[in-house]
Amino acid sequence: MKAFLINKYTKQGLQLADVSVPKIKDNEVLVEIHASGLNLLDSKIKTGEFKLILPYKMPLILGHDLSGIVKEVGKNVKKYKIGDEVYSRPADFHIGTFAEYIAVREEDLAPKPKNISMEEAASVPLVALTAWQALVEIANLKNGQKVFIQAGSGGVGTIAIQLAKHLGATVATTASAKNFDFLKELGADILIDYKTQNFEQILQDYDVVLNNQDNKTLEKSLNILKKGGKVISISGPPTPKFAEDINANGLVKMITRFLSFGIKKKAKKKEVHFTFLFMKANGKQLAEITKLIESGIIKPVIDKVFPLEDTNKALEYVESGRAKGKVVLKLK
């Protein structure tokens, strides 16, 4: 099968190669990939930015999102059969969706929403699971609360805004003014032009912040929270708890303690809570997201679709930061 991979950490493009179709284990499903979503995480893994916490073996096929059709099932698989349409964010160390086939653990799969295309489905898993784990699992966001979702027109932002509105929250977000109408349609209540406005001067007494920007923006976010509020960061810095959760070695635990010390100290001083989120694959949560998509509560947002052979062009576009919603590869 065709696949885009790296043989070492690099800032160069991915290599197109012919590799063997994966052999499935008893708890796995072989999926013929019809579409694959791209994420900035793919670029960060490619350059080695995450090699301490995600020490992958080479060669490595990249890609964290897929939709497709089940072609083979392991003998212990109970929920899926050949021909089923599925989608997934495969677990860490089981990635590889920039390819024609992939072996996915049954627990990481969910039925593809029936009312959207394969390309739309492939755009969903990583960003929707991130939004779910931040707003539902960690924040426990309630009706009537206020949430600030940074970079609303990005992949996570477009889904998080819709999910937060479904949960009954007032939603503020940052974007360029040209995207304001689009974000209002998704449900954003308060729109802040990051080029000309300072969100610190506009927002106050917020319950939750979903941070996906730099540390300077993260520190500013502490100032808009009410006492007991929560800032959940998906862009760092990682914490010792995260290091424990991934069974990291002592060196990584020490590094995360150093990296997160400053922000944790400032959060404690302001009597708010800081959490670092590195989303996890979760088929059960993705099945809940399927229900929200099929009921029209969440709608995928796609900027561009590229063919598999243009994977490097697609990844460059993701890295540019210009995408509104998600970028997807179409294989079938």
Protein backbone atom coordinates (compact mmCIF):
# COMPACT_ATOMS: atom_id res chain seq x y z
CA MET A 1 0.00 0.00 0.00
CA LYS A 2 1.01 3.65 -0.39
CA ALA A 3 1.94 5.59 2.74
CA PHE A 4 3.61 8.86 3.71
CA LEU A 5 6.29 8.36 6.36
CA ILE A 6 9.48 9.63 7.95
CA ASN A 7 12.66 7.65 8.58
CA LYS A 8 13.99 10.19 11.08
CA TYR A 9 12.87 13.41 12.73
CA THR A 10 13.05 16.12 10.11
CA LYS A 11 11.85 19.54 9.00
CA GLN A 12 11.70 18.22 5.44
CA GLY A 13 8.63 16.72 3.79
CA LEU A 14 7.25 13.21 4.28
CA GLN A 15 8.37 10.41 1.97
CA LEU A 16 5.94 8.44 -0.19
CA ALA A 17 6.66 4.71 0.12
CA ASP A 18 5.19 1.30 -0.67
CA VAL A 19 4.74 -0.66 2.55
CA SER A 20 2.95 -3.83 3.60
CA VAL A 21 -0.71 -3.73 4.57
CA PRO A 22 -0.81 -4.01 8.41
CA LYS A 23 -1.59 -7.37 9.99
CA ILE A 24 -4.29 -7.03 12.63
CA LYS A 25 -4.22 -8.36 16.19
CA ASP A 26 -7.16 -10.14 17.83
CA ASN A 27 -8.58 -6.86 19.21
CA GLU A 28 -8.02 -4.82 16.04
CA VAL A 29 -9.87 -3.93 12.86
CA LEU A 30 -8.30 -3.41 9.44
CA VAL A 31 -9.73 -0.22 7.94
CA GLU A 32 -9.50 0.82 4.30
CA ILE A 33 -8.94 4.56 4.69
CA HIS A 34 -11.19 6.78 2.56
CA ALA A 35 -10.13 10.10 4.11
CA SER A 36 -7.59 11.32 6.65
CA GLY A 37 -7.54 14.51 8.70
CA LEU A 38 -4.35 16.53 9.21
CA ASN A 39 -3.36 18.16 12.49
CA LEU A 40 -0.55 20.36 13.72
CA LEU A 41 0.36 17.40 15.94
CA ASP A 42 1.57 15.57 12.82
CA SER A 43 4.03 18.36 12.11
CA LYS A 44 5.25 18.49 15.71
CA ILE A 45 5.89 14.76 15.77
CA LYS A 46 7.65 14.97 12.39
CA THR A 47 10.15 17.56 13.65
CA GLY A 48 10.81 15.72 16.93
CA GLU A 49 9.14 18.30 19.16
CA PHE A 50 7.36 15.52 21.09
CA LYS A 51 10.08 12.86 20.99
CA LEU A 52 10.57 12.90 24.77
CA ILE A 53 6.93 12.14 25.52
CA LEU A 54 6.13 10.18 22.35
CA PRO A 55 9.28 8.18 21.51
CA TYR A 56 8.17 6.63 18.22
CA LYS A 57 10.17 3.98 16.38
CA MET A 58 11.18 4.70 12.79
CA PRO A 59 10.10 4.46 10.04
CA LEU A 60 6.86 6.13 11.12
CA ILE A 61 3.66 6.66 9.12
CA LEU A 62 2.05 9.87 10.34
CA GLY A 63 -1.64 10.77 10.59
CA HIS A 64 -4.08 10.86 13.55
CA ASP A 65 -7.58 10.99 11.97
CA LEU A 66 -9.39 8.63 9.62
CA SER A 67 -12.69 7.57 8.14
CA GLY A 68 -13.13 4.42 6.12
CA ILE A 69 -14.58 0.95 5.74
CA VAL A 70 -13.86 -2.17 7.77
CA LYS A 71 -12.08 -4.80 5.65
CA GLU A 72 -11.09 -7.37 8.30
CA VAL A 73 -11.81 -7.93 12.00
CA GLY A 74 -9.79 -9.67 14.71
CA LYS A 75 -11.31 -12.73 16.41
CA ASN A 76 -12.04 -10.80 19.64
CA VAL A 77 -13.77 -7.87 17.92
CA LYS A 78 -17.50 -7.74 18.72
CA LYS A 79 -18.86 -4.33 17.66
CA TYR A 80 -17.78 -4.18 14.01
CA LYS A 81 -18.09 -6.31 10.91
CA ILE A 82 -16.69 -6.17 7.37
CA GLY A 83 -18.31 -3.33 5.41
CA ASP A 84 -19.03 -1.06 8.39
CA GLU A 85 -18.29 2.64 7.94
CA VAL A 86 -16.16 3.89 10.84
CA TYR A 87 -14.00 6.78 11.96
CA SER A 88 -11.30 7.14 14.59
CA ARG A 89 -8.43 8.94 16.21
CA PRO A 90 -6.11 5.93 16.67
CA ALA A 91 -4.25 5.76 19.98
CA ASP A 92 -0.74 7.11 20.37
CA PHE A 93 1.83 4.59 19.08
CA HIS A 94 -0.93 3.18 16.83
CA ILE A 95 -1.17 6.13 14.42
CA GLY A 96 -0.59 6.04 10.66
CA THR A 97 -3.57 7.40 8.75
CA PHE A 98 -1.56 8.91 5.86
CA ALA A 99 -1.86 5.52 4.18
CA GLU A 100 -4.34 3.30 2.35
CA TYR A 101 -4.94 0.93 5.28
CA ILE A 102 -4.50 0.95 9.04
CA ALA A 103 -5.00 -1.48 11.94
CA VAL A 104 -7.08 0.20 14.66
CA ARG A 105 -7.97 -1.08 18.13
CA GLU A 106 -11.70 -1.75 18.47
CA GLU A 107 -11.91 0.52 21.52
CA ASP A 108 -10.66 3.50 19.49
CA LEU A 109 -13.31 3.18 16.74
CA ALA A 110 -16.79 4.64 16.45
CA PRO A 111 -19.52 4.35 13.80
CA LYS A 112 -19.17 7.07 11.18
CA PRO A 113 -22.02 9.61 11.36
CA LYS A 114 -24.53 8.71 8.65
CA ASN A 115 -25.35 12.29 7.64
CA ILE A 116 -21.85 13.46 6.64
CA SER A 117 -19.27 12.53 4.00
CA MET A 118 -16.12 10.51 4.55
CA GLU A 119 -14.07 13.72 4.23
CA GLU A 120 -16.17 15.50 6.87
CA ALA A 121 -15.94 12.49 9.18
CA ALA A 122 -12.15 12.37 8.88
CA SER A 123 -11.98 16.00 10.00
CA VAL A 124 -13.68 15.29 13.32
CA PRO A 125 -12.03 12.80 15.72
CA LEU A 126 -8.93 14.50 17.15
CA VAL A 127 -10.40 18.00 17.44
CA ALA A 128 -13.82 16.82 18.68
CA LEU A 129 -12.28 14.52 21.29
CA THR A 130 -10.06 17.40 22.41
CA ALA A 131 -13.09 19.66 22.81
CA TRP A 132 -15.07 16.93 24.59
CA GLN A 133 -12.28 16.04 27.01
CA ALA A 134 -11.66 19.73 27.79
CA LEU A 135 -15.23 20.98 28.15
CA VAL A 136 -17.13 17.89 29.31
CA GLU A 137 -14.56 15.72 31.10
CA ILE A 138 -12.30 18.33 32.76
CA ALA A 139 -14.33 21.57 32.87
CA ASN A 140 -17.73 19.89 33.44
CA LEU A 141 -19.15 22.92 31.64
CA LYS A 142 -22.68 23.79 32.77
CA ASN A 143 -25.63 25.73 31.42
CA GLY A 144 -25.19 29.44 32.16
CA GLN A 145 -21.40 29.36 32.56
CA LYS A 146 -18.98 31.43 30.48
CA VAL A 147 -16.16 29.95 28.41
CA PHE A 148 -13.37 31.63 26.43
CA ILE A 149 -12.26 29.51 23.46
CA GLN A 150 -9.15 30.91 21.81
CA ALA A 151 -8.62 30.83 18.03
CA GLY A 152 -12.25 30.06 17.27
CA SER A 153 -11.77 29.51 13.52
CA GLY A 154 -9.20 26.71 14.01
CA GLY A 155 -9.90 22.99 14.01
CA VAL A 156 -10.48 22.66 17.76
CA GLY A 157 -12.16 26.06 18.03
CA THR A 158 -14.88 25.41 15.45
CA ILE A 159 -15.98 22.21 17.22
CA ALA A 160 -15.49 23.55 20.78
CA ILE A 161 -17.74 26.56 20.10
CA GLN A 162 -20.56 24.30 18.90
CA LEU A 163 -20.14 21.89 21.83
CA ALA A 164 -20.03 24.73 24.40
CA LYS A 165 -23.25 26.24 22.99
CA HIS A 166 -24.93 22.82 23.16
CA LEU A 167 -23.94 22.68 26.85
CA GLY A 168 -25.59 26.06 27.41
CA ALA A 169 -22.53 28.25 27.89
CA THR A 170 -21.87 31.82 26.80
CA VAL A 171 -18.95 31.61 24.36
CA ALA A 172 -16.26 34.22 23.71
CA THR A 173 -13.57 33.66 21.11
CA THR A 174 -10.72 35.35 19.27
CA ALA A 175 -10.33 35.49 15.51
CA SER A 176 -9.65 37.89 12.68
CA ALA A 177 -12.62 40.16 11.88
CA LYS A 178 -13.15 38.48 8.48
CA ASN A 179 -14.20 35.28 10.30
CA PHE A 180 -16.72 36.93 12.67
CA ASP A 181 -19.87 36.11 10.66
CA PHE A 182 -18.78 32.50 10.23
CA LEU A 183 -18.14 32.13 13.99
CA LYS A 184 -21.49 33.73 14.88
CA GLU A 185 -23.14 31.04 12.75
CA LEU A 186 -21.34 28.39 14.83
CA GLY A 187 -22.71 29.99 18.01
CA ALA A 188 -20.03 32.37 19.31
CA ASP A 189 -21.56 35.17 21.44
CA ILE A 190 -18.57 37.49 21.95
CA LEU A 191 -16.05 37.98 19.15
CA ILE A 192 -12.66 39.60 19.75
CA ASP A 193 -10.35 40.70 16.94
CA TYR A 194 -6.97 39.45 18.10
CA LYS A 195 -5.23 41.92 15.80
CA THR A 196 -6.76 45.06 17.32
CA GLN A 197 -8.28 44.09 20.68
CA ASN A 198 -6.98 42.77 24.01
CA PHE A 199 -9.25 40.04 25.40
CA GLU A 200 -8.08 40.87 28.97
CA GLN A 201 -9.78 44.26 28.72
CA ILE A 202 -13.06 42.79 27.46
CA LEU A 203 -13.63 39.54 29.37
CA GLN A 204 -14.00 39.01 33.10
CA ASP A 205 -15.39 36.49 35.60
CA TYR A 206 -15.14 33.55 33.19
CA ASP A 207 -15.57 29.98 34.38
CA VAL A 208 -13.38 28.24 31.77
CA VAL A 209 -10.63 29.08 29.30
CA LEU A 210 -9.59 26.67 26.54
CA ASN A 211 -6.04 27.77 25.69
CA ASN A 212 -4.29 26.74 22.48
CA GLN A 213 -1.89 29.65 22.15
CA ASP A 214 1.55 30.54 23.57
CA ASN A 215 2.55 30.87 27.24
CA LYS A 216 2.11 34.65 27.21
CA THR A 217 -1.53 34.27 26.16
CA LEU A 218 -1.95 31.48 28.72
CA GLU A 219 -0.77 33.77 31.52
CA LYS A 220 -3.11 36.55 30.36
CA SER A 221 -5.97 34.06 30.44
CA LEU A 222 -5.58 33.62 34.18
CA ASN A 223 -6.67 37.25 34.64
CA ILE A 224 -10.15 36.77 33.16
CA LEU A 225 -11.14 33.78 35.33
CA LYS A 226 -13.31 34.01 38.42
CA LYS A 227 -12.02 32.36 41.61
CA GLY A 228 -12.18 28.61 41.19
CA GLY A 229 -12.19 28.95 37.40
CA LYS A 230 -10.32 26.56 35.15
CA VAL A 231 -7.82 27.13 32.38
CA ILE A 232 -7.29 24.04 30.22
CA SER A 233 -4.32 24.24 27.88
CA ILE A 234 -3.82 21.99 24.87
CA SER A 235 -0.60 23.75 23.84
CA GLY A 236 1.41 23.30 27.03
CA PRO A 237 3.24 23.42 29.23
CA PRO A 238 2.91 19.72 30.13
CA THR A 239 2.62 18.87 33.82
CA PRO A 240 4.00 16.10 36.06
CA LYS A 241 0.49 14.59 36.21
CA PHE A 242 0.55 14.25 32.42
CA ALA A 243 3.99 12.60 32.69
CA GLU A 244 2.58 10.12 35.22
CA ASP A 245 -0.43 9.39 33.01
CA ILE A 246 1.83 8.34 30.11
CA ASN A 247 4.22 6.42 32.41
CA ALA A 248 7.10 8.72 31.48
CA ASN A 249 10.57 8.24 32.93
CA GLY A 250 12.07 10.30 35.74
CA LEU A 251 13.79 12.74 33.38
CA VAL A 252 10.52 13.62 31.62
CA LYS A 253 8.75 14.03 34.97
CA MET A 254 11.49 16.41 36.10
CA ILE A 255 11.29 18.41 32.86
CA THR A 256 7.50 18.77 33.08
CA ARG A 257 7.80 19.91 36.69
CA PHE A 258 10.22 22.62 35.58
CA LEU A 259 8.17 23.66 32.53
CA SER A 260 4.86 23.96 34.39
CA PHE A 261 6.15 25.41 37.68
CA GLY A 262 5.64 29.07 36.71
CA ILE A 263 2.08 28.83 35.39
CA LYS A 264 0.96 26.55 38.23
CA LYS A 265 2.33 29.01 40.79
CA LYS A 266 0.54 31.95 39.13
CA ALA A 267 -2.70 29.99 38.88
CA LYS A 268 -2.55 29.06 42.56
CA LYS A 269 -1.95 32.70 43.51
CA LYS A 270 -5.09 33.72 41.61
CA GLU A 271 -7.05 30.80 43.11
CA VAL A 272 -7.77 29.20 39.75
CA HIS A 273 -6.96 25.77 38.34
CA PHE A 274 -4.51 24.93 35.52
CA THR A 275 -4.73 21.65 33.58
CA PHE A 276 -2.67 20.50 30.61
CA LEU A 277 -4.65 18.31 28.20
CA PHE A 278 -3.08 15.94 25.71
CA MET A 279 -6.16 14.28 24.28
CA LYS A 280 -6.56 10.52 24.32
CA ALA A 281 -8.15 8.18 21.81
CA ASN A 282 -11.61 7.15 23.04
CA GLY A 283 -14.15 5.31 20.91
CA LYS A 284 -16.97 5.67 23.48
CA GLN A 285 -16.63 9.45 23.57
CA LEU A 286 -16.40 9.54 19.77
CA ALA A 287 -19.68 7.57 19.62
CA GLU A 288 -21.28 10.32 21.74
CA ILE A 289 -19.95 12.88 19.25
CA THR A 290 -21.47 10.82 16.43
CA LYS A 291 -24.90 11.32 18.07
CA LEU A 292 -24.35 15.10 18.24
CA ILE A 293 -23.36 15.20 14.56
CA GLU A 294 -26.32 13.06 13.45
CA SER A 295 -28.71 15.30 15.41
CA GLY A 296 -27.26 18.43 13.73
CA ILE A 297 -25.81 19.90 16.93
CA ILE A 298 -22.21 19.72 15.66
CA LYS A 299 -21.27 20.31 12.03
CA PRO A 300 -17.74 19.60 10.75
CA VAL A 301 -15.88 22.54 9.20
CA ILE A 302 -13.48 21.78 6.33
CA ASP A 303 -11.21 24.35 4.70
CA LYS A 304 -9.50 22.30 1.97
CA VAL A 305 -9.36 18.74 0.67
CA PHE A 306 -6.15 17.39 -0.93
CA PRO A 307 -5.45 14.06 -2.67
CA LEU A 308 -3.13 11.64 -0.85
CA GLU A 309 -0.24 12.41 -3.22
CA ASP A 310 -0.36 16.07 -2.08
CA THR A 311 0.08 15.20 1.61
CA ASN A 312 3.15 17.44 1.93
CA LYS A 313 1.31 20.42 0.42
CA ALA A 314 -1.59 19.76 2.78
CA LEU A 315 0.70 19.63 5.82
CA GLU A 316 2.40 22.86 4.75
CA TYR A 317 -1.02 24.50 4.58
CA VAL A 318 -1.83 23.31 8.12
CA GLU A 319 1.51 24.66 9.33
CA SER A 320 0.74 28.07 7.78
CA GLY A 321 -2.01 28.62 10.35
CA ARG A 322 -4.39 29.94 7.68
CA ALA A 323 -6.87 27.06 7.71
CA LYS A 324 -10.48 27.78 8.73
CA GLY A 325 -11.53 24.50 10.30
CA LYS A 326 -9.79 21.35 9.13
CA VAL A 327 -7.64 20.14 6.22
CA VAL A 328 -8.33 16.65 4.89
CA LEU A 329 -6.79 14.08 2.54
CA LYS A 330 -9.15 12.23 0.18
CA LEU A 331 -8.04 8.70 -0.68
CA LYS A 332 -11.19 7.16 -2.17
